[in-house]
Amino acid sequence: MVRMRPHTVTLHGHELSYVDSGSGPALLFIHGILGSRRQWSRLVDRLDDEHRVLVPDLFGHGDSAKPLGDYSLSAHAATLRDLLDHLGIDRVTLVGHSLGGGIAMQFYYLFPDRVDRLVLVASGGLGREVNFILRSATLPLAEQVLGVVASAPVLGKVEAVGGFAARLGWKPGSDLTAIWHGFTSLGDRASRRAFLATTRAVIDLGGQSISAHDHLAGVEPIPTLVVWGSRDHMIPAWHALTAQRAVPQCRVELFEGAGHFPHLDDPDRFARVVREFVSGADVEEPPSAAGA
């Protein structure tokens, strides 16, 4: 795994942390809620031999600032546009996971002349359904409850239980590991406030409140790759089929047995699929994925 050395740029008066590695056609990776650039770390050294790979921490996440303010899809998209301007990059392929997929589609809606292709990974914005864990962030008193459950004493007890289970042979999967790492980042008030603002910008108690279909219908179709895990318990995999019907130039890759983070479950296959999609080559299923 490559050791990612971040850079920092000041945008809108706040520091944004990002990784910039390699050279060639640019790939901009966008993480999801509770995520960070570290969730893409296993992809950087698999792709930066032929591509310039950009991996930011969105505002409110990771090592970037967590200011009061706008955490809407449009605000995140504008920040990424400003990052590209700062780096002198005109066009990119956007690779967005979960919330990041929604940001990628909003970016394309706002700045279509800046985007070559879209890669949507277990993307938000393609249907109403989403796990109750995220919908619960819209409940009254969610901030107070989150402050208790994300406190150091509670997290310490959970980690102790997890450590005991690991000694007995239990191994957490990619989904649980990624979600746990994200949850442990909520120990301070600024991070919790940013998490709630980000979540509530796209989710209400009934599910996802933003639909990409309303926006993408008004723009020129673009080559789009949708990647989903067949065992995604956060956003159902059948949303990929909805995207395939709605986007004329859409290809779907289903990772059989993977969860909400298919790029963590099988980074080699994910990197290969992205590389071939960006190059315009046909993506062939590996023998182990037959029937996926």
Protein backbone atom coordinates (compact mmCIF):
# COMPACT_ATOMS: atom_id res chain seq x y z
CA MET A 1 0.00 0.00 0.00
CA VAL A 2 1.32 3.42 -0.91
CA ARG A 3 2.07 5.85 1.89
CA MET A 4 -0.10 8.83 1.03
CA ARG A 5 1.58 12.16 1.69
CA PRO A 6 -1.09 14.84 1.85
CA HIS A 7 -0.93 18.42 0.66
CA THR A 8 -2.96 21.30 2.06
CA VAL A 9 -4.63 24.17 0.24
CA THR A 10 -6.75 26.99 1.65
CA LEU A 11 -10.13 27.24 -0.07
CA HIS A 12 -12.89 29.57 1.08
CA GLY A 13 -10.74 30.44 4.08
CA HIS A 14 -10.42 26.84 5.27
CA GLU A 15 -7.75 24.17 4.85
CA LEU A 16 -8.47 21.23 2.56
CA SER A 17 -6.24 18.16 2.74
CA TYR A 18 -5.60 16.08 -0.38
CA VAL A 19 -3.24 13.62 -2.04
CA ASP A 20 -1.91 14.27 -5.55
CA SER A 21 0.02 11.34 -7.02
CA GLY A 22 1.15 10.26 -10.49
CA SER A 23 0.72 11.82 -13.91
CA GLY A 24 -1.57 11.37 -16.89
CA PRO A 25 -5.35 11.74 -17.27
CA ALA A 26 -6.75 12.86 -13.92
CA LEU A 27 -8.90 10.69 -11.64
CA LEU A 28 -10.62 12.49 -8.75
CA PHE A 29 -11.76 10.15 -5.96
CA ILE A 30 -14.58 11.33 -3.68
CA HIS A 31 -15.29 9.48 -0.43
CA GLY A 32 -18.62 9.14 1.36
CA ILE A 33 -20.12 10.17 4.72
CA LEU A 34 -17.80 9.33 7.63
CA GLY A 35 -15.12 8.56 5.06
CA SER A 36 -11.76 10.08 4.24
CA ARG A 37 -9.07 9.87 1.59
CA ARG A 38 -7.66 6.84 3.44
CA GLN A 39 -10.50 4.68 2.10
CA TRP A 40 -8.96 5.08 -1.36
CA SER A 41 -5.37 4.43 -0.27
CA ARG A 42 -5.22 0.94 -1.77
CA LEU A 43 -6.18 2.36 -5.18
CA VAL A 44 -3.54 5.07 -5.48
CA ASP A 45 -0.53 2.86 -6.21
CA ARG A 46 -2.66 0.67 -8.46
CA LEU A 47 -3.58 3.58 -10.73
CA ASP A 48 -1.01 6.39 -10.44
CA ASP A 49 1.38 4.75 -12.91
CA GLU A 50 -0.88 5.87 -15.77
CA HIS A 51 -3.07 8.51 -14.12
CA ARG A 52 -2.84 11.59 -11.97
CA VAL A 53 -4.76 10.48 -8.90
CA LEU A 54 -6.36 13.15 -6.70
CA VAL A 55 -7.80 12.09 -3.35
CA PRO A 56 -9.15 14.87 -1.09
CA ASP A 57 -10.68 14.83 2.35
CA LEU A 58 -13.99 16.63 1.92
CA PHE A 59 -14.62 19.54 4.25
CA GLY A 60 -15.98 18.12 7.50
CA HIS A 61 -13.99 14.89 7.08
CA GLY A 62 -10.53 13.49 7.70
CA ASP A 63 -7.77 16.09 8.03
CA SER A 64 -9.70 18.88 6.28
CA ALA A 65 -11.33 21.72 8.18
CA LYS A 66 -14.76 21.24 9.73
CA PRO A 67 -16.28 24.71 9.57
CA LEU A 68 -19.80 25.87 10.19
CA GLY A 69 -21.57 26.33 6.90
CA ASP A 70 -22.92 24.64 3.80
CA TYR A 71 -22.42 20.88 3.43
CA SER A 72 -24.74 20.39 0.47
CA LEU A 73 -23.81 18.42 -2.63
CA SER A 74 -23.39 21.68 -4.54
CA ALA A 75 -21.07 23.13 -1.91
CA HIS A 76 -18.84 20.04 -1.98
CA ALA A 77 -18.86 20.08 -5.80
CA ALA A 78 -17.85 23.74 -5.87
CA THR A 79 -14.98 23.03 -3.47
CA LEU A 80 -13.72 20.24 -5.71
CA ARG A 81 -13.97 22.55 -8.74
CA ASP A 82 -11.86 25.09 -6.86
CA LEU A 83 -9.30 22.39 -6.01
CA LEU A 84 -9.01 21.50 -9.70
CA ASP A 85 -8.60 25.19 -10.56
CA HIS A 86 -5.85 25.47 -7.95
CA LEU A 87 -4.05 22.49 -9.49
CA GLY A 88 -4.54 23.71 -13.06
CA ILE A 89 -6.58 20.65 -14.08
CA ASP A 90 -9.28 21.22 -16.69
CA ARG A 91 -10.95 17.79 -16.97
CA VAL A 92 -11.24 14.70 -14.79
CA THR A 93 -12.89 11.35 -14.42
CA LEU A 94 -14.85 11.43 -11.16
CA VAL A 95 -14.92 8.34 -8.94
CA GLY A 96 -17.47 8.81 -6.15
CA HIS A 97 -18.46 6.42 -3.36
CA SER A 98 -21.82 6.65 -1.58
CA LEU A 99 -22.26 10.38 -0.80
CA GLY A 100 -19.29 10.93 -3.10
CA GLY A 101 -21.31 9.48 -5.97
CA GLY A 102 -23.99 12.07 -5.36
CA ILE A 103 -21.33 14.79 -5.28
CA ALA A 104 -19.86 13.46 -8.53
CA MET A 105 -23.24 13.62 -10.28
CA GLN A 106 -23.88 17.12 -8.91
CA PHE A 107 -20.42 18.18 -10.09
CA TYR A 108 -21.25 16.94 -13.59
CA TYR A 109 -24.60 18.74 -13.51
CA LEU A 110 -22.93 22.03 -12.50
CA PHE A 111 -19.70 21.74 -14.49
CA PRO A 112 -20.30 19.31 -17.38
CA ASP A 113 -17.37 20.63 -19.42
CA ARG A 114 -14.96 19.54 -16.68
CA VAL A 115 -15.91 15.83 -16.63
CA ASP A 116 -14.80 13.05 -18.99
CA ARG A 117 -16.45 10.07 -17.27
CA LEU A 118 -18.31 9.11 -14.10
CA VAL A 119 -17.63 6.12 -11.85
CA LEU A 120 -20.36 5.72 -9.23
CA VAL A 121 -19.62 3.28 -6.40
CA ALA A 122 -22.59 2.25 -4.23
CA SER A 123 -23.78 5.74 -5.00
CA GLY A 124 -26.28 7.89 -3.24
CA GLY A 125 -28.87 9.82 -5.22
CA LEU A 126 -30.23 6.88 -7.23
CA GLY A 127 -33.19 5.93 -5.04
CA ARG A 128 -34.97 6.71 -1.80
CA GLU A 129 -33.82 3.68 0.20
CA VAL A 130 -30.95 3.96 2.69
CA ASN A 131 -30.05 2.19 5.95
CA PHE A 132 -31.76 3.42 9.12
CA ILE A 133 -28.36 4.09 10.69
CA LEU A 134 -28.02 7.14 8.45
CA ARG A 135 -31.72 8.07 8.61
CA SER A 136 -31.44 8.17 12.41
CA ALA A 137 -29.13 11.19 12.12
CA THR A 138 -32.22 13.24 11.22
CA LEU A 139 -34.03 12.38 14.45
CA PRO A 140 -34.48 14.98 17.21
CA LEU A 141 -31.67 14.91 19.81
CA ALA A 142 -29.41 13.00 17.41
CA GLU A 143 -26.54 15.36 18.22
CA GLN A 144 -26.85 14.72 21.96
CA VAL A 145 -27.11 10.95 21.52
CA LEU A 146 -24.17 10.90 19.15
CA GLY A 147 -22.09 12.86 21.65
CA VAL A 148 -22.62 10.07 24.19
CA VAL A 149 -22.15 7.02 21.97
CA ALA A 150 -19.08 8.51 20.25
CA SER A 151 -17.44 9.48 23.55
CA ALA A 152 -14.08 8.03 24.53
CA PRO A 153 -15.45 5.82 27.37
CA VAL A 154 -18.07 4.18 25.14
CA LEU A 155 -15.69 3.74 22.20
CA GLY A 156 -13.09 2.28 24.54
CA LYS A 157 -15.51 -0.36 25.78
CA VAL A 158 -16.55 -1.32 22.27
CA GLU A 159 -12.91 -1.58 21.18
CA ALA A 160 -12.21 -3.82 24.17
CA VAL A 161 -15.04 -6.14 23.15
CA GLY A 162 -13.78 -6.14 19.56
CA GLY A 163 -10.26 -6.93 20.70
CA PHE A 164 -11.49 -9.87 22.75
CA ALA A 165 -13.51 -11.18 19.80
CA ALA A 166 -10.47 -10.84 17.53
CA ARG A 167 -8.40 -12.96 19.91
CA LEU A 168 -11.07 -15.64 19.54
CA GLY A 169 -10.64 -15.57 15.77
CA TRP A 170 -13.27 -13.05 14.68
CA LYS A 171 -12.27 -10.91 11.70
CA PRO A 172 -14.39 -7.87 10.84
CA GLY A 173 -15.21 -7.34 7.17
CA SER A 174 -14.42 -4.27 5.09
CA ASP A 175 -17.78 -2.63 5.77
CA LEU A 176 -17.59 -2.91 9.54
CA THR A 177 -13.95 -1.80 9.62
CA ALA A 178 -14.58 1.26 7.44
CA ILE A 179 -17.72 2.28 9.32
CA TRP A 180 -16.00 1.82 12.68
CA HIS A 181 -13.03 3.97 11.63
CA GLY A 182 -15.45 6.65 10.49
CA PHE A 183 -17.46 6.46 13.70
CA THR A 184 -14.36 6.85 15.85
CA SER A 185 -13.65 10.14 14.05
CA LEU A 186 -16.70 11.69 15.73
CA GLY A 187 -15.06 12.21 19.10
CA ASP A 188 -15.05 16.00 18.83
CA ARG A 189 -18.00 18.33 18.50
CA ALA A 190 -16.90 19.91 15.20
CA SER A 191 -16.72 16.51 13.51
CA ARG A 192 -20.16 15.50 14.83
CA ARG A 193 -21.67 18.79 13.70
CA ALA A 194 -20.19 18.37 10.21
CA PHE A 195 -21.40 14.75 10.01
CA LEU A 196 -24.95 15.71 10.93
CA ALA A 197 -24.98 18.68 8.53
CA THR A 198 -23.68 16.51 5.68
CA THR A 199 -26.14 13.71 6.36
CA ARG A 200 -29.14 15.98 6.76
CA ALA A 201 -28.33 17.71 3.46
CA VAL A 202 -29.12 14.50 1.56
CA ILE A 203 -31.23 12.31 3.91
CA ASP A 204 -34.44 12.71 5.86
CA LEU A 205 -36.23 10.28 8.13
CA GLY A 206 -37.85 8.58 5.12
CA GLY A 207 -34.61 8.03 3.22
CA GLN A 208 -32.55 9.84 0.61
CA SER A 209 -34.03 13.26 -0.11
CA ILE A 210 -31.96 14.14 -3.21
CA SER A 211 -32.55 12.42 -6.55
CA ALA A 212 -29.98 12.58 -9.34
CA HIS A 213 -32.63 11.72 -11.93
CA ASP A 214 -34.15 15.21 -11.69
CA HIS A 215 -30.82 16.80 -12.61
CA LEU A 216 -29.16 14.35 -15.00
CA ALA A 217 -32.17 14.31 -17.31
CA GLY A 218 -31.24 17.83 -18.35
CA VAL A 219 -27.59 17.23 -19.30
CA GLU A 220 -25.85 15.40 -22.12
CA PRO A 221 -25.29 11.67 -21.37
CA ILE A 222 -21.75 10.78 -20.35
CA PRO A 223 -19.99 7.39 -20.16
CA THR A 224 -20.84 6.09 -16.68
CA LEU A 225 -19.65 3.04 -14.76
CA VAL A 226 -21.69 1.90 -11.77
CA VAL A 227 -19.99 -0.44 -9.28
CA TRP A 228 -21.95 -2.10 -6.47
CA GLY A 229 -21.52 -4.88 -3.95
CA SER A 230 -24.24 -7.55 -4.05
CA ARG A 231 -24.42 -7.54 -0.23
CA ASP A 232 -24.64 -3.80 0.32
CA HIS A 233 -26.69 -3.23 3.48
CA MET A 234 -26.40 0.58 3.40
CA ILE A 235 -27.86 1.31 -0.07
CA PRO A 236 -29.53 -1.58 -1.94
CA ALA A 237 -27.70 -2.95 -4.96
CA TRP A 238 -30.80 -2.79 -7.14
CA HIS A 239 -30.27 0.98 -7.33
CA ALA A 240 -27.58 0.08 -9.88
CA LEU A 241 -30.28 -1.24 -12.20
CA THR A 242 -32.23 1.99 -11.79
CA ALA A 243 -29.13 3.88 -12.89
CA GLN A 244 -28.62 1.59 -15.86
CA ARG A 245 -32.15 2.29 -17.09
CA ALA A 246 -31.87 6.03 -16.54
CA VAL A 247 -28.40 6.69 -18.01
CA PRO A 248 -27.99 5.74 -21.69
CA GLN A 249 -24.20 5.23 -21.55
CA CYS A 250 -24.14 3.29 -18.28
CA ARG A 251 -22.34 0.03 -17.53
CA VAL A 252 -22.87 -1.88 -14.26
CA GLU A 253 -20.27 -4.01 -12.49
CA LEU A 254 -21.67 -6.08 -9.61
CA PHE A 255 -19.10 -7.37 -7.11
CA GLU A 256 -20.61 -10.62 -5.87
CA GLY A 257 -20.31 -10.99 -2.10
CA ALA A 258 -19.00 -7.45 -1.55
CA GLY A 259 -20.71 -4.95 0.71
CA HIS A 260 -20.97 -1.15 0.67
CA PHE A 261 -17.23 -0.77 0.03
CA PRO A 262 -16.46 -2.93 -3.05
CA HIS A 263 -13.23 -0.99 -3.62
CA LEU A 264 -12.03 -2.24 -0.22
CA ASP A 265 -13.31 -5.80 -0.67
CA ASP A 266 -11.50 -6.28 -3.99
CA PRO A 267 -9.16 -3.36 -4.80
CA ASP A 268 -7.36 -5.27 -7.57
CA ARG A 269 -10.55 -5.91 -9.51
CA PHE A 270 -11.80 -2.40 -8.81
CA ALA A 271 -8.59 -0.80 -10.12
CA ARG A 272 -8.69 -3.00 -13.23
CA VAL A 273 -12.32 -2.16 -13.95
CA VAL A 274 -11.71 1.58 -13.53
CA ARG A 275 -8.54 1.51 -15.64
CA GLU A 276 -10.26 -0.32 -18.50
CA PHE A 277 -13.36 1.87 -18.31
CA VAL A 278 -11.31 5.06 -18.48
CA SER A 279 -9.29 3.71 -21.40
CA GLY A 280 -12.49 2.78 -23.24
CA ALA A 281 -11.68 -0.95 -23.25
CA ASP A 282 -14.35 -3.57 -22.67
CA VAL A 283 -14.34 -4.84 -19.11
CA GLU A 284 -14.39 -8.62 -18.91
CA GLU A 285 -15.56 -10.51 -15.86
CA PRO A 286 -12.88 -12.52 -14.06
CA PRO A 287 -13.66 -16.28 -13.82
CA SER A 288 -14.40 -15.97 -10.08
CA ALA A 289 -17.09 -13.37 -10.75
CA ALA A 290 -19.07 -15.39 -13.23
CA GLY A 291 -22.76 -14.83 -12.72
CA ALA A 292 -22.22 -11.61 -10.74
